[in-house]
Amino acid sequence: MRFGLVLPSKGLGAGPDSLDAGAEVAARLGWSSIWTTDHLLVPPGDEAQEYGWILEALTTLAWVAGRHPALRIGTSVVVPAMRDAPLLAKELATIDVLSGGQLVVGVGVGDESDAPEWGNLGKADRMRVRGAYLDETIALWRHLWSGRTDPFEGRFHRLEAFSFQPLPAQGSRLPIWSGGRSDRAVTRAATLTDGYHASQTGPDDLRDRWPALVEQASAAGRPRPTLSIRTRVKFEAPRGRVYSLVGSPRDMVNELLAFDDLGVDELIVVLEAVTPAEVTAAAERFDTDVIRPYQAAHRERDDAVREQYSM
């Protein structure tokens, strides 16, 4: 299982030094990827406490990719219906070209609880059709990123005479991962995208959902999607209503082993840290106290299985 870090791009004081610290410690520890999260115009109140100060996701990725080229980069997640699909196609293709094909695009539909933000963006009407808009966005991106120049006819977009260059370094197979917990979200991940990017999701939630998703992908003649988990890390905290990786280091190691058993390919963590020193210390603690013991336990299990079958 690979590991990634959601960069400290939000929270009072988040800025270039925090981003550099996150990327540098992730690279030094051998983690695979760094990610940005996305909000644009949240209303005052509880949401603003977390997302009122936030660096724009795509601009941040472009800046970080130029400074830390060894790491894969991704959005966790961008909501196309809050933006505009053709402009996003160009922005994402540009980032993929400039990063040498390091980009993964995590997408989502947003939530009805974000209604004030949709209104602030002038897209309150689109919120009601955000799932359909996302489905069409994926088809539109594949169309443009493949280099096709024939017309595209959709519910929300009609492209006739156009030129779209340069193409992403990864072409039309630039990885798109989608999340969500609804039946439609599972079907989207199985039939339209390359990966399932689940948040607020623990091993118990995955035990039924993931096999159903893999079965749908197989029935559609598609390969098994990549499975990634995004989770907050809270040492010594009790289990809350929303899933996070909590408790003692041993508790967390056991959770990682459970994720591993279910086939999780990448675990992407959100650390409760903003300043460079906090980010570095939190990542090092998670790596030392959780990742390394998990990797040792994983190797021991593999060795035991190999020994069993060699007898």
Protein backbone atom coordinates (compact mmCIF):
# COMPACT_ATOMS: atom_id res chain seq x y z
CA MET A 1 0.00 0.00 0.00
CA ARG A 2 1.32 3.42 -1.01
CA PHE A 3 0.97 6.57 1.06
CA GLY A 4 0.13 10.15 0.15
CA LEU A 5 -0.25 13.45 1.96
CA VAL A 6 -2.94 16.09 1.61
CA LEU A 7 -0.88 19.26 1.62
CA PRO A 8 -1.49 21.92 4.29
CA SER A 9 -3.10 24.35 1.84
CA LYS A 10 -5.90 25.33 4.22
CA GLY A 11 -6.00 26.82 7.69
CA LEU A 12 -4.87 30.22 8.93
CA GLY A 13 -1.32 30.83 7.79
CA ALA A 14 -1.11 28.09 5.14
CA GLY A 15 1.26 29.24 2.43
CA PRO A 16 4.41 28.41 0.46
CA ASP A 17 6.50 27.41 3.46
CA SER A 18 3.83 24.95 4.64
CA LEU A 19 3.46 23.48 1.16
CA ASP A 20 7.22 23.07 0.77
CA ALA A 21 7.47 21.40 4.17
CA GLY A 22 4.71 18.93 3.32
CA ALA A 23 6.15 18.03 -0.07
CA GLU A 24 9.70 17.78 1.25
CA VAL A 25 8.84 15.48 4.14
CA ALA A 26 6.65 13.28 1.92
CA ALA A 27 9.49 12.87 -0.58
CA ARG A 28 12.08 12.23 2.13
CA LEU A 29 9.93 9.56 3.79
CA GLY A 30 9.33 7.78 0.50
CA TRP A 31 5.62 8.57 0.23
CA SER A 32 4.17 8.47 -3.27
CA SER A 33 2.00 11.51 -3.71
CA ILE A 34 0.81 14.93 -2.55
CA TRP A 35 -2.73 16.30 -2.88
CA THR A 36 -4.75 19.47 -2.64
CA THR A 37 -8.32 19.88 -1.45
CA ASP A 38 -10.83 22.32 -2.92
CA HIS A 39 -13.31 24.93 -1.73
CA LEU A 40 -13.88 28.33 -3.28
CA LEU A 41 -16.37 30.59 -1.48
CA VAL A 42 -17.66 29.00 1.71
CA PRO A 43 -20.03 31.07 3.89
CA PRO A 44 -19.09 32.38 7.33
CA GLY A 45 -19.49 29.98 10.24
CA ASP A 46 -18.25 26.46 10.85
CA GLU A 47 -17.17 25.85 7.23
CA ALA A 48 -15.13 29.04 7.23
CA GLN A 49 -13.19 27.86 10.29
CA GLU A 50 -11.70 25.09 8.15
CA TYR A 51 -12.02 26.32 4.55
CA GLY A 52 -12.21 30.10 4.83
CA TRP A 53 -8.43 30.32 4.37
CA ILE A 54 -7.58 27.95 1.54
CA LEU A 55 -5.22 28.15 -1.42
CA GLU A 56 -6.83 27.39 -4.77
CA ALA A 57 -6.28 23.72 -5.59
CA LEU A 58 -5.07 23.79 -9.20
CA THR A 59 -2.79 26.82 -8.82
CA THR A 60 -1.26 25.16 -5.77
CA LEU A 61 -0.65 21.90 -7.63
CA ALA A 62 1.07 23.71 -10.49
CA TRP A 63 3.34 25.57 -8.04
CA VAL A 64 4.21 22.46 -6.04
CA ALA A 65 4.80 20.28 -9.11
CA GLY A 66 7.45 22.69 -10.37
CA ARG A 67 9.31 22.55 -7.06
CA HIS A 68 8.92 18.84 -6.20
CA PRO A 69 8.92 16.92 -9.51
CA ALA A 70 9.52 13.47 -8.00
CA LEU A 71 6.06 13.22 -6.45
CA ARG A 72 2.76 12.40 -8.07
CA ILE A 73 0.22 15.17 -7.59
CA GLY A 74 -3.55 15.07 -7.33
CA THR A 75 -6.80 16.83 -6.47
CA SER A 76 -8.74 15.46 -3.51
CA VAL A 77 -11.16 16.51 -4.85
CA VAL A 78 -12.20 19.09 -7.42
CA VAL A 79 -15.95 19.52 -8.10
CA PRO A 80 -16.41 20.15 -11.84
CA ALA A 81 -19.99 21.38 -11.48
CA MET A 82 -18.73 24.19 -9.23
CA ARG A 83 -16.38 25.23 -12.02
CA ASP A 84 -16.66 24.62 -15.79
CA ALA A 85 -15.67 21.42 -17.56
CA PRO A 86 -13.91 22.81 -20.69
CA LEU A 87 -11.79 25.26 -18.69
CA LEU A 88 -10.89 22.50 -16.25
CA ALA A 89 -9.89 20.29 -19.18
CA LYS A 90 -7.37 22.91 -20.28
CA GLU A 91 -6.08 23.63 -16.76
CA LEU A 92 -5.60 19.96 -15.93
CA ALA A 93 -3.97 19.18 -19.28
CA THR A 94 -1.57 22.07 -18.72
CA ILE A 95 -0.61 20.83 -15.25
CA ASP A 96 -0.06 17.32 -16.61
CA VAL A 97 2.18 18.65 -19.40
CA LEU A 98 4.19 20.84 -17.05
CA SER A 99 4.58 18.07 -14.45
CA GLY A 100 5.65 15.46 -16.99
CA GLY A 101 2.56 13.28 -16.53
CA GLN A 102 2.41 13.23 -12.73
CA LEU A 103 -1.25 14.23 -12.30
CA VAL A 104 -4.20 12.27 -10.88
CA VAL A 105 -7.57 14.04 -10.95
CA GLY A 106 -9.84 13.27 -8.02
CA VAL A 107 -13.40 14.43 -8.72
CA GLY A 108 -16.61 14.64 -6.74
CA VAL A 109 -20.14 16.00 -6.88
CA GLY A 110 -20.02 18.10 -3.74
CA ASP A 111 -22.73 18.00 -1.11
CA GLU A 112 -26.14 19.54 -0.59
CA SER A 113 -24.87 20.98 2.67
CA ASP A 114 -22.60 23.18 0.53
CA ALA A 115 -25.64 24.97 -0.98
CA PRO A 116 -24.48 28.46 0.14
CA GLU A 117 -21.17 27.96 -1.65
CA TRP A 118 -22.96 26.93 -4.86
CA GLY A 119 -25.03 30.11 -4.58
CA ASN A 120 -21.94 32.25 -4.01
CA LEU A 121 -20.49 30.85 -7.23
CA GLY A 122 -23.65 31.58 -9.22
CA LYS A 123 -24.27 27.88 -9.73
CA ALA A 124 -27.22 27.11 -7.44
CA ASP A 125 -29.21 25.66 -10.35
CA ARG A 126 -26.33 23.39 -11.34
CA MET A 127 -26.15 21.89 -7.85
CA ARG A 128 -29.37 19.99 -8.59
CA VAL A 129 -27.82 18.30 -11.64
CA ARG A 130 -24.26 17.99 -10.34
CA GLY A 131 -24.08 14.21 -10.81
CA ALA A 132 -25.14 14.43 -14.46
CA TYR A 133 -22.71 17.31 -14.96
CA LEU A 134 -19.85 15.24 -13.55
CA ASP A 135 -20.67 12.28 -15.79
CA GLU A 136 -20.65 14.51 -18.85
CA THR A 137 -17.46 16.22 -17.70
CA ILE A 138 -15.63 12.88 -17.65
CA ALA A 139 -16.80 12.12 -21.20
CA LEU A 140 -15.84 15.63 -22.36
CA TRP A 141 -12.37 15.39 -20.84
CA ARG A 142 -11.73 12.02 -22.46
CA HIS A 143 -12.88 13.44 -25.78
CA LEU A 144 -10.59 16.47 -25.62
CA TRP A 145 -7.61 14.70 -24.07
CA SER A 146 -7.66 11.99 -26.75
CA GLY A 147 -6.96 14.55 -29.47
CA ARG A 148 -10.31 14.03 -31.18
CA THR A 149 -11.65 17.03 -33.09
CA ASP A 150 -15.07 15.71 -34.03
CA PRO A 151 -18.06 17.47 -32.43
CA PHE A 152 -19.08 16.70 -28.85
CA GLU A 153 -22.77 16.82 -28.09
CA GLY A 154 -23.92 16.65 -24.49
CA ARG A 155 -26.61 17.95 -22.21
CA PHE A 156 -24.49 20.81 -20.92
CA HIS A 157 -21.83 21.26 -23.60
CA ARG A 158 -21.76 21.41 -27.38
CA LEU A 159 -18.35 21.62 -29.06
CA GLU A 160 -18.24 22.03 -32.82
CA ALA A 161 -15.17 23.68 -34.35
CA PHE A 162 -12.29 23.68 -31.86
CA SER A 163 -8.61 23.01 -31.39
CA PHE A 164 -7.31 21.61 -28.11
CA GLN A 165 -3.53 21.47 -27.74
CA PRO A 166 -1.29 20.49 -26.09
CA LEU A 167 -2.74 17.20 -24.94
CA PRO A 168 -1.95 15.94 -21.43
CA ALA A 169 1.32 14.04 -21.16
CA GLN A 170 -0.80 11.00 -20.20
CA GLY A 171 -3.28 11.60 -23.01
CA SER A 172 -6.84 10.45 -22.59
CA ARG A 173 -5.74 8.00 -19.90
CA LEU A 174 -4.87 10.73 -17.44
CA PRO A 175 -6.19 9.00 -14.29
CA ILE A 176 -9.54 10.18 -12.95
CA TRP A 177 -10.59 8.95 -9.51
CA SER A 178 -14.08 9.55 -8.14
CA GLY A 179 -15.48 9.22 -4.67
CA GLY A 180 -18.80 9.27 -2.87
CA ARG A 181 -20.90 6.75 -0.98
CA SER A 182 -24.14 6.60 -2.98
CA ASP A 183 -25.03 3.79 -5.37
CA ARG A 184 -24.53 6.20 -8.26
CA ALA A 185 -21.07 7.12 -6.98
CA VAL A 186 -20.08 3.45 -6.86
CA THR A 187 -21.38 2.90 -10.39
CA ARG A 188 -19.50 5.97 -11.63
CA ALA A 189 -16.23 4.71 -10.15
CA ALA A 190 -16.80 1.28 -11.68
CA THR A 191 -17.88 2.31 -15.16
CA LEU A 192 -16.53 5.78 -15.92
CA THR A 193 -13.35 6.46 -13.95
CA ASP A 194 -10.03 4.80 -13.21
CA GLY A 195 -10.22 4.76 -9.45
CA TYR A 196 -12.40 4.97 -6.36
CA HIS A 197 -11.24 7.74 -4.02
CA ALA A 198 -13.16 7.22 -0.78
CA SER A 199 -13.24 9.59 2.17
CA GLN A 200 -14.85 9.18 5.59
CA THR A 201 -14.69 5.46 4.84
CA GLY A 202 -13.30 2.74 7.09
CA PRO A 203 -12.67 -0.96 6.49
CA ASP A 204 -16.17 -1.90 7.66
CA ASP A 205 -17.71 0.45 5.09
CA LEU A 206 -15.58 -1.03 2.31
CA ARG A 207 -16.29 -4.70 2.92
CA ASP A 208 -19.54 -4.67 0.96
CA ARG A 209 -19.06 -1.58 -1.19
CA TRP A 210 -15.71 -2.48 -2.73
CA PRO A 211 -16.56 -6.02 -3.96
CA ALA A 212 -19.77 -4.64 -5.49
CA LEU A 213 -17.77 -1.94 -7.26
CA VAL A 214 -15.23 -4.45 -8.62
CA GLU A 215 -18.06 -6.69 -9.80
CA GLN A 216 -19.67 -3.79 -11.67
CA ALA A 217 -16.37 -2.92 -13.32
CA SER A 218 -15.87 -6.51 -14.42
CA ALA A 219 -19.41 -6.73 -15.79
CA ALA A 220 -18.71 -3.60 -17.83
CA GLY A 221 -15.54 -5.17 -19.24
CA ARG A 222 -13.30 -2.75 -17.39
CA PRO A 223 -10.21 -3.44 -15.26
CA ARG A 224 -10.28 -3.24 -11.50
CA PRO A 225 -10.18 0.44 -10.49
CA THR A 226 -7.50 1.80 -8.21
CA LEU A 227 -8.72 1.97 -4.62
CA SER A 228 -7.59 4.94 -2.52
CA ILE A 229 -8.66 6.13 0.91
CA ARG A 230 -8.44 9.69 2.18
CA THR A 231 -8.58 9.94 5.97
CA ARG A 232 -7.80 12.34 8.76
CA VAL A 233 -5.23 11.17 11.31
CA LYS A 234 -5.95 11.89 14.98
CA PHE A 235 -3.59 10.27 17.46
CA GLU A 236 -5.16 9.22 20.77
CA ALA A 237 -8.59 10.57 19.75
CA PRO A 238 -11.75 8.49 20.27
CA ARG A 239 -13.78 7.15 17.38
CA GLY A 240 -16.18 9.81 16.13
CA ARG A 241 -19.32 9.82 14.04
CA VAL A 242 -17.31 10.42 10.85
CA TYR A 243 -14.55 7.91 10.12
CA SER A 244 -10.97 8.99 10.80
CA LEU A 245 -7.81 7.08 11.61
CA VAL A 246 -7.77 7.46 15.39
CA GLY A 247 -6.46 5.94 18.61
CA SER A 248 -3.07 4.56 19.50
CA PRO A 249 -0.37 3.74 16.94
CA ARG A 250 -1.25 0.05 17.38
CA ASP A 251 -4.90 0.81 16.64
CA MET A 252 -3.87 2.60 13.48
CA VAL A 253 -1.56 -0.21 12.37
CA ASN A 254 -4.45 -2.66 12.73
CA GLU A 255 -6.64 -0.38 10.61
CA LEU A 256 -3.96 -0.22 7.92
CA LEU A 257 -3.71 -4.01 7.89
CA ALA A 258 -7.50 -4.20 7.49
CA PHE A 259 -7.35 -1.74 4.59
CA ASP A 260 -4.54 -3.80 3.11
CA ASP A 261 -6.63 -6.98 3.33
CA LEU A 262 -9.38 -5.23 1.36
CA GLY A 263 -7.01 -4.27 -1.44
CA VAL A 264 -6.47 -0.56 -0.77
CA ASP A 265 -3.76 0.69 -3.13
CA GLU A 266 -3.06 4.07 -1.57
CA LEU A 267 -3.83 5.70 1.77
CA ILE A 268 -3.85 9.50 1.64
CA VAL A 269 -3.70 11.22 5.00
CA VAL A 270 -4.84 14.59 6.28
CA LEU A 271 -2.67 15.69 9.20
CA GLU A 272 -3.85 18.19 11.80
CA ALA A 273 -1.01 20.60 11.05
CA VAL A 274 -0.41 23.91 9.25
CA THR A 275 2.97 25.40 10.12
CA PRO A 276 6.08 23.88 8.51
CA ALA A 277 7.35 22.52 11.84
CA GLU A 278 3.95 20.99 12.68
CA VAL A 279 3.59 19.40 9.25
CA THR A 280 7.06 17.87 9.36
CA ALA A 281 6.64 16.54 12.91
CA ALA A 282 3.19 15.07 12.22
CA ALA A 283 4.32 13.29 9.04
CA GLU A 284 7.44 11.91 10.72
CA ARG A 285 5.41 10.64 13.67
CA PHE A 286 2.89 8.90 11.41
CA ASP A 287 5.68 7.35 9.36
CA THR A 288 7.66 6.14 12.39
CA ASP A 289 4.81 5.03 14.64
CA VAL A 290 2.33 3.70 12.08
CA ILE A 291 3.65 3.15 8.55
CA ARG A 292 6.86 1.36 9.49
CA PRO A 293 5.20 -1.01 11.98
CA TYR A 294 2.46 -1.69 9.41
CA GLN A 295 5.08 -2.48 6.75
CA ALA A 296 6.90 -4.81 9.15
CA ALA A 297 3.66 -6.62 10.02
CA HIS A 298 2.79 -6.86 6.34
CA ARG A 299 6.15 -8.47 5.56
CA GLU A 300 5.76 -10.92 8.44
CA ARG A 301 2.37 -12.01 7.13
CA ASP A 302 3.75 -12.44 3.61
CA ASP A 303 6.66 -14.50 4.93
CA ALA A 304 4.28 -16.69 6.95
CA VAL A 305 2.09 -17.32 3.89
CA ARG A 306 5.09 -18.17 1.72
CA GLU A 307 6.41 -20.53 4.38
CA GLN A 308 3.04 -22.24 4.66
CA TYR A 309 2.81 -22.89 0.93
CA SER A 310 6.41 -24.04 0.64
CA MET A 311 5.93 -26.86 3.15
